Amino acid sequence: MMSDTPAAAPASDDPRDPLLGTGAAVLAFDVGGTDTKSAIVDESGRVLGVRRTPTPHDEADPAGAIVAHITSLAAEYREDFPDVSPVAAGLSVPGLVDEARGIGLFASNLGWHDAPLRDLAEHALGLPVAFGHDVRSAGDAEHRLGAARGADDVVVLAIGTGIASAIIAGGRPITAGGYAGELGHALIWPEGELCACGAVGCLETIASAGAIARRYSERSGRKTPGAREVLDASKAGDIVAERVWDDAVEALARALAPLVAILGPELVVIGGGLAEAGRDLFEPVQHRLDALLSFHRRPRLVKAALGDDAGVLGTALRARDLAAGRLDRAHGADVHAVESDPAS
């Protein structure tokens, strides 16, 4: 069933599963608006103790609540895995993120503005912290471990309740001080709907799983729980559902076409709940995108490989980069392009 959450997680506590290869032992915390995904990684690369816990919300001190939560989780990991001694931690959060300064610029669903999350986390954990954006971390994992491994120029889309993206050019992430990758809030339909961000006609108002369900409910007068039901209705001949689904496909193609013209990616990796539509999504978007392009490089559209673990895996990779001296914290990026092999 397609949902607004990514597919099942591949990470495992199996001691035979050194998923990340050899390197530093680290902690990883992938904070979302609803849940926090966390793990501890040992020196052999095993991803241990993967768990999902509710993300705390505190209007009075939103950043402090997050830091207190990950500090508590860190204590549990140290107790549960006494033979693993982490030397660094990774922390990824949603919203606008300035990796270079370690600042959470803004997160509407968590309530902070200009929060010095990296400094707070380092003080609380007693470890150096690699700080980053949740979707960029997931994109990094797909680039180094998953569907985009071996490619240098990639766009990674996460399509669920909203739409976010990570952009990798020449093997390096584009961050732009935290503002890069907001494809969900790119103007696609000037005559369209008001977005929660305050703009009109954003991609997210048409092509997210949440928007597909909402638009069908509004146009049909029948409340529907999710995008899967709209797709099923479309395939059964429901004209309203067909139009809503076709609008989403058209919007995605329109958003990707200028991105392809400007960046020339080899691959577009799509994850999140909408990716579970499979061929019903990928084939029409690929066909429509090809029709909008002329001489441009035509990227392949592929499904994300790491599912719901991509964020926490990318966060762990970033922590390992910091421990190994590969992360230039002054610029929030790798000192050099990271090799595709995480064990190298």
Protein backbone atom coordinates (compact mmCIF):
# COMPACT_ATOMS: atom_id res chain seq x y z
CA MET A 1 0.00 0.00 0.00
CA MET A 2 1.20 3.48 -0.82
CA SER A 3 1.34 5.86 2.09
CA ASP A 4 2.82 9.21 3.01
CA THR A 5 5.79 7.50 4.66
CA PRO A 6 8.73 5.87 2.90
CA ALA A 7 9.10 2.14 2.39
CA ALA A 8 10.29 -0.37 4.95
CA ALA A 9 13.77 0.03 6.33
CA PRO A 10 16.70 -2.10 5.17
CA ALA A 11 18.97 -1.51 8.15
CA SER A 12 19.42 -4.36 10.56
CA ASP A 13 20.86 -5.38 13.89
CA ASP A 14 22.20 -8.53 12.24
CA PRO A 15 25.92 -8.75 13.14
CA ARG A 16 26.56 -10.05 9.64
CA ASP A 17 25.34 -6.76 8.17
CA PRO A 18 28.22 -4.21 8.17
CA LEU A 19 26.13 -1.86 6.06
CA LEU A 20 28.42 1.17 6.19
CA GLY A 21 31.82 -0.52 6.03
CA THR A 22 34.64 0.03 8.50
CA GLY A 23 35.11 3.41 10.14
CA ALA A 24 34.46 5.36 13.31
CA ALA A 25 31.74 4.37 15.75
CA VAL A 26 29.07 7.08 15.73
CA LEU A 27 25.59 7.98 16.88
CA ALA A 28 22.97 9.14 14.37
CA PHE A 29 19.76 11.08 14.98
CA ASP A 30 17.39 11.84 12.10
CA VAL A 31 14.75 14.19 13.53
CA GLY A 32 11.39 14.49 11.79
CA GLY A 33 8.31 16.48 12.59
CA THR A 34 6.55 13.41 13.97
CA ASP A 35 9.23 10.83 14.71
CA THR A 36 12.96 10.67 15.35
CA LYS A 37 14.91 7.82 13.77
CA SER A 38 18.13 6.93 15.57
CA ALA A 39 20.89 4.32 15.62
CA ILE A 40 24.40 3.60 16.81
CA VAL A 41 27.00 2.40 14.28
CA ASP A 42 29.98 0.33 15.34
CA GLU A 43 33.46 0.34 13.80
CA SER A 44 32.64 -2.53 11.47
CA GLY A 45 29.72 -0.58 10.00
CA ARG A 46 26.85 -2.44 11.66
CA VAL A 47 23.81 -0.21 12.14
CA LEU A 48 22.58 -1.18 15.61
CA GLY A 49 19.58 -0.38 17.76
CA VAL A 50 17.60 1.31 14.98
CA ARG A 51 14.55 2.80 16.63
CA ARG A 52 11.79 5.30 16.03
CA THR A 53 10.65 7.53 18.89
CA PRO A 54 8.13 10.40 18.98
CA THR A 55 9.73 13.77 18.34
CA PRO A 56 9.05 16.04 21.34
CA HIS A 57 7.37 19.43 20.81
CA ASP A 58 7.89 22.25 23.28
CA GLU A 59 6.69 25.71 22.27
CA ALA A 60 8.73 27.34 25.03
CA ASP A 61 12.02 25.66 24.06
CA PRO A 62 11.68 23.62 20.86
CA ALA A 63 15.42 23.21 20.23
CA GLY A 64 16.11 22.35 23.87
CA ALA A 65 13.46 19.63 23.77
CA ILE A 66 15.08 18.01 20.74
CA VAL A 67 18.54 18.12 22.28
CA ALA A 68 17.26 16.67 25.55
CA HIS A 69 15.59 13.86 23.60
CA ILE A 70 18.69 12.86 21.63
CA THR A 71 20.80 13.09 24.80
CA SER A 72 18.46 10.61 26.47
CA LEU A 73 18.66 8.33 23.44
CA ALA A 74 22.46 8.55 23.48
CA ALA A 75 22.52 7.42 27.11
CA GLU A 76 20.32 4.45 26.22
CA TYR A 77 22.61 3.46 23.35
CA ARG A 78 25.67 3.63 25.56
CA GLU A 79 23.94 1.40 28.11
CA ASP A 80 22.60 -1.05 25.53
CA PHE A 81 25.86 -1.26 23.54
CA PRO A 82 28.68 -0.82 26.08
CA ASP A 83 31.28 -2.23 23.68
CA VAL A 84 30.61 0.55 21.12
CA SER A 85 32.29 3.86 21.93
CA PRO A 86 31.05 6.59 19.57
CA VAL A 87 33.53 9.34 18.78
CA ALA A 88 31.09 11.61 16.94
CA ALA A 89 27.38 12.07 16.37
CA GLY A 90 25.21 13.12 13.46
CA LEU A 91 22.09 15.23 13.80
CA SER A 92 19.76 15.91 10.87
CA VAL A 93 16.64 18.07 11.11
CA PRO A 94 13.94 19.36 8.75
CA GLY A 95 13.29 22.91 7.62
CA LEU A 96 15.89 25.46 6.57
CA VAL A 97 19.29 24.38 7.80
CA ASP A 98 22.63 26.19 7.70
CA GLU A 99 25.13 23.35 8.01
CA ALA A 100 28.14 25.65 8.00
CA ARG A 101 27.04 27.58 11.10
CA GLY A 102 25.22 24.67 12.72
CA ILE A 103 21.97 26.64 12.82
CA GLY A 104 18.40 25.49 12.37
CA LEU A 105 17.19 28.61 10.55
CA PHE A 106 13.50 27.76 10.54
CA ALA A 107 11.27 24.73 11.02
CA SER A 108 7.55 25.47 10.93
CA ASN A 109 6.52 22.07 12.26
CA LEU A 110 9.02 22.12 15.14
CA GLY A 111 8.84 25.80 15.98
CA TRP A 112 12.39 27.08 16.07
CA HIS A 113 14.06 30.12 14.49
CA ASP A 114 17.85 30.51 14.31
CA ALA A 115 18.45 27.72 16.81
CA PRO A 116 22.15 26.86 17.46
CA LEU A 117 21.40 23.15 17.36
CA ARG A 118 24.93 21.94 16.66
CA ASP A 119 26.43 23.80 19.61
CA LEU A 120 23.63 22.72 21.92
CA ALA A 121 23.99 19.09 20.85
CA GLU A 122 27.78 19.08 21.19
CA HIS A 123 27.55 20.51 24.70
CA ALA A 124 24.90 17.97 25.74
CA LEU A 125 26.45 14.89 24.11
CA GLY A 126 30.09 15.69 24.80
CA LEU A 127 30.90 14.74 21.18
CA PRO A 128 31.60 16.59 17.95
CA VAL A 129 28.37 16.76 15.96
CA ALA A 130 27.88 16.72 12.19
CA PHE A 131 24.76 18.80 11.64
CA GLY A 132 22.64 18.70 8.51
CA HIS A 133 19.32 18.67 6.72
CA ASP A 134 17.18 15.54 6.82
CA VAL A 135 16.52 15.23 3.08
CA ARG A 136 20.08 16.16 2.13
CA SER A 137 21.26 13.43 4.49
CA ALA A 138 18.89 10.95 2.84
CA GLY A 139 20.11 12.08 -0.57
CA ASP A 140 23.72 11.57 0.50
CA ALA A 141 22.89 8.02 1.59
CA GLU A 142 21.18 7.25 -1.72
CA HIS A 143 24.21 8.68 -3.51
CA ARG A 144 26.80 6.70 -1.55
CA LEU A 145 24.91 3.52 -0.68
CA GLY A 146 21.69 3.34 -2.67
CA ALA A 147 19.99 4.01 -5.98
CA ALA A 148 22.37 6.78 -7.09
CA ARG A 149 25.62 5.03 -6.20
CA GLY A 150 28.23 5.68 -8.86
CA ALA A 151 26.49 8.76 -10.30
CA ASP A 152 27.94 12.26 -9.90
CA ASP A 153 24.92 14.41 -10.82
CA VAL A 154 21.71 13.50 -9.09
CA VAL A 155 18.43 14.95 -7.86
CA VAL A 156 16.80 13.06 -5.00
CA LEU A 157 13.10 13.75 -4.40
CA ALA A 158 11.19 12.78 -1.27
CA ILE A 159 7.46 12.92 -2.04
CA GLY A 160 5.06 12.29 0.81
CA THR A 161 2.86 14.72 2.70
CA GLY A 162 5.14 17.39 1.23
CA ILE A 163 7.98 17.47 -1.30
CA ALA A 164 11.65 18.08 -0.60
CA SER A 165 14.79 17.41 -2.58
CA ALA A 166 18.54 17.06 -2.41
CA ILE A 167 20.79 18.11 -5.27
CA ILE A 168 24.20 16.58 -5.90
CA ALA A 169 26.39 18.11 -8.61
CA GLY A 170 29.83 16.80 -9.43
CA GLY A 171 29.53 14.40 -6.52
CA ARG A 172 28.97 17.21 -4.00
CA PRO A 173 25.76 18.43 -2.36
CA ILE A 174 24.47 21.89 -3.21
CA THR A 175 23.33 23.58 0.01
CA ALA A 176 23.30 27.36 -0.69
CA GLY A 177 23.35 28.24 2.98
CA GLY A 178 20.40 25.95 3.61
CA TYR A 179 18.12 27.27 0.87
CA ALA A 180 18.85 24.78 -1.91
CA GLY A 181 16.53 21.90 -2.68
CA GLU A 182 13.15 23.47 -1.91
CA LEU A 183 11.61 22.01 -5.06
CA GLY A 184 8.27 21.54 -3.32
CA HIS A 185 8.01 25.31 -3.15
CA ALA A 186 9.01 26.00 -6.74
CA LEU A 187 6.39 27.94 -8.73
CA ILE A 188 4.73 25.49 -11.13
CA TRP A 189 1.13 26.64 -11.49
CA PRO A 190 0.89 30.48 -11.36
CA GLU A 191 -2.90 30.31 -11.37
CA GLY A 192 -2.87 27.58 -8.74
CA GLU A 193 -3.62 27.26 -5.05
CA LEU A 194 -2.28 29.09 -2.02
CA CYS A 195 0.47 27.05 -0.38
CA ALA A 196 1.03 26.80 3.36
CA CYS A 197 4.33 28.65 2.77
CA GLY A 198 2.38 31.73 1.62
CA ALA A 199 3.15 31.49 -2.09
CA VAL A 200 0.75 30.49 -4.86
CA GLY A 201 1.13 27.55 -7.23
CA CYS A 202 3.89 25.61 -5.47
CA LEU A 203 4.62 22.09 -6.71
CA GLU A 204 3.69 20.74 -3.27
CA THR A 205 0.09 21.97 -3.66
CA ILE A 206 -0.42 19.68 -6.65
CA ALA A 207 1.98 16.75 -6.67
CA SER A 208 2.56 15.72 -3.05
CA ALA A 209 0.72 12.65 -1.78
CA GLY A 210 -1.13 14.90 0.63
CA ALA A 211 -2.18 17.29 -2.13
CA ILE A 212 -3.39 14.47 -4.39
CA ALA A 213 -5.69 13.15 -1.65
CA ARG A 214 -6.90 16.64 -0.71
CA ARG A 215 -7.56 17.78 -4.27
CA TYR A 216 -9.53 14.63 -5.08
CA SER A 217 -11.60 14.97 -1.90
CA GLU A 218 -12.41 18.60 -2.73
CA ARG A 219 -13.31 17.92 -6.36
CA SER A 220 -15.23 14.68 -5.89
CA GLY A 221 -16.93 15.49 -2.60
CA ARG A 222 -15.74 12.11 -1.30
CA LYS A 223 -13.24 12.08 1.53
CA THR A 224 -10.26 9.91 0.60
CA PRO A 225 -7.51 8.83 2.99
CA GLY A 226 -4.54 8.95 0.64
CA ALA A 227 -3.00 9.11 -2.82
CA ARG A 228 -3.20 5.32 -3.28
CA GLU A 229 -6.98 5.49 -3.27
CA VAL A 230 -6.90 8.28 -5.86
CA LEU A 231 -4.64 6.21 -8.11
CA ASP A 232 -6.89 3.18 -7.72
CA ALA A 233 -9.94 5.29 -8.59
CA SER A 234 -8.12 6.71 -11.60
CA LYS A 235 -7.30 3.22 -12.89
CA ALA A 236 -10.95 2.26 -12.39
CA GLY A 237 -12.09 5.07 -14.69
CA ASP A 238 -12.94 7.82 -12.22
CA ILE A 239 -12.58 10.98 -14.34
CA VAL A 240 -11.96 13.27 -11.36
CA ALA A 241 -9.25 10.96 -10.05
CA GLU A 242 -7.68 10.78 -13.53
CA ARG A 243 -7.48 14.57 -13.71
CA VAL A 244 -5.99 14.91 -10.24
CA TRP A 245 -3.38 12.22 -10.94
CA ASP A 246 -2.58 13.67 -14.38
CA ASP A 247 -2.15 17.12 -12.82
CA ALA A 248 0.38 15.68 -10.36
CA VAL A 249 2.31 14.00 -13.16
CA GLU A 250 2.30 17.19 -15.24
CA ALA A 251 3.44 19.29 -12.29
CA LEU A 252 6.32 16.95 -11.48
CA ALA A 253 7.48 16.97 -15.10
CA ARG A 254 7.22 20.78 -15.26
CA ALA A 255 9.27 21.08 -12.08
CA LEU A 256 11.94 18.65 -13.23
CA ALA A 257 12.36 20.02 -16.78
CA PRO A 258 14.06 23.32 -15.83
CA LEU A 259 16.06 21.54 -13.17
CA VAL A 260 17.31 19.11 -15.81
CA ALA A 261 18.11 21.99 -18.20
CA ILE A 262 20.11 23.84 -15.53
CA LEU A 263 21.84 20.97 -13.70
CA GLY A 264 21.90 18.11 -16.20
CA PRO A 265 21.44 15.25 -13.70
CA GLU A 266 22.07 11.67 -14.73
CA LEU A 267 19.44 10.36 -12.35
CA VAL A 268 16.33 11.54 -10.57
CA VAL A 269 15.79 9.35 -7.52
CA ILE A 270 12.27 9.42 -6.12
CA GLY A 271 11.45 8.20 -2.63
CA GLY A 272 8.73 8.75 -0.08
CA GLY A 273 5.22 7.37 -0.10
CA LEU A 274 4.32 8.41 -3.63
CA ALA A 275 7.21 6.36 -5.04
CA GLU A 276 5.26 3.26 -4.01
CA ALA A 277 2.99 3.92 -7.00
CA GLY A 278 5.80 2.41 -9.09
CA ARG A 279 5.24 2.32 -12.84
CA ASP A 280 2.00 4.30 -12.52
CA LEU A 281 4.10 7.27 -11.43
CA PHE A 282 7.50 6.75 -12.99
CA GLU A 283 6.45 5.94 -16.54
CA PRO A 284 4.11 8.89 -17.16
CA VAL A 285 6.46 11.37 -15.46
CA GLN A 286 9.39 10.04 -17.53
CA HIS A 287 7.31 10.25 -20.73
CA ARG A 288 6.10 13.78 -20.03
CA LEU A 289 9.57 14.95 -18.97
CA ASP A 290 11.08 13.58 -22.17
CA ALA A 291 8.45 15.51 -24.16
CA LEU A 292 9.42 18.78 -22.45
CA LEU A 293 13.13 18.37 -23.21
CA SER A 294 15.01 18.75 -26.49
CA PHE A 295 18.82 18.45 -26.64
CA HIS A 296 19.13 18.03 -22.88
CA ARG A 297 20.54 15.07 -21.04
CA ARG A 298 17.60 12.84 -20.23
CA PRO A 299 17.89 11.55 -16.69
CA ARG A 300 16.58 8.17 -15.67
CA LEU A 301 13.89 8.23 -13.01
CA VAL A 302 14.56 5.52 -10.43
CA LYS A 303 13.03 4.53 -7.13
CA ALA A 304 14.97 5.23 -3.95
CA ALA A 305 16.63 2.09 -2.58
CA LEU A 306 17.08 2.75 1.14
CA GLY A 307 13.51 3.46 2.17
CA ASP A 308 12.89 4.92 5.59
CA ASP A 309 16.49 4.37 6.72
CA ALA A 310 18.03 6.76 4.19
CA GLY A 311 17.99 9.73 6.57
CA VAL A 312 19.57 7.98 9.52
CA LEU A 313 22.15 6.27 7.30
CA GLY A 314 23.12 9.57 5.69
CA THR A 315 23.34 11.16 9.12
CA ALA A 316 25.69 8.39 10.26
CA LEU A 317 27.82 8.82 7.14
CA ARG A 318 28.12 12.53 7.86
CA ALA A 319 29.19 11.82 11.44
CA ARG A 320 31.83 9.42 10.15
CA ASP A 321 33.05 12.06 7.70
CA LEU A 322 33.47 14.46 10.60
CA ALA A 323 35.35 11.89 12.67
CA ALA A 324 37.65 11.14 9.73
CA GLY A 325 38.38 14.81 9.01
CA ARG A 326 36.52 14.73 5.70
CA LEU A 327 33.91 17.30 6.71
CA ASP A 328 34.72 20.99 6.40
CA ARG A 329 32.44 22.42 9.06
CA ALA A 330 33.30 25.97 8.09
CA HIS A 331 31.48 25.40 4.82
CA GLY A 332 29.09 22.64 5.81
CA ALA A 333 30.39 20.33 3.11
CA ASP A 334 32.87 17.57 2.44
CA VAL A 335 36.50 18.61 2.10
CA HIS A 336 36.49 16.69 -1.16
CA ALA A 337 34.00 14.64 -3.10
CA VAL A 338 33.31 11.52 -1.08
CA GLU A 339 34.06 8.25 -2.78
CA SER A 340 31.06 6.10 -3.63
CA ASP A 341 32.41 3.29 -1.45
CA PRO A 342 31.57 4.25 2.16
CA ALA A 343 34.34 2.01 3.46
CA SER A 344 37.05 3.86 1.53
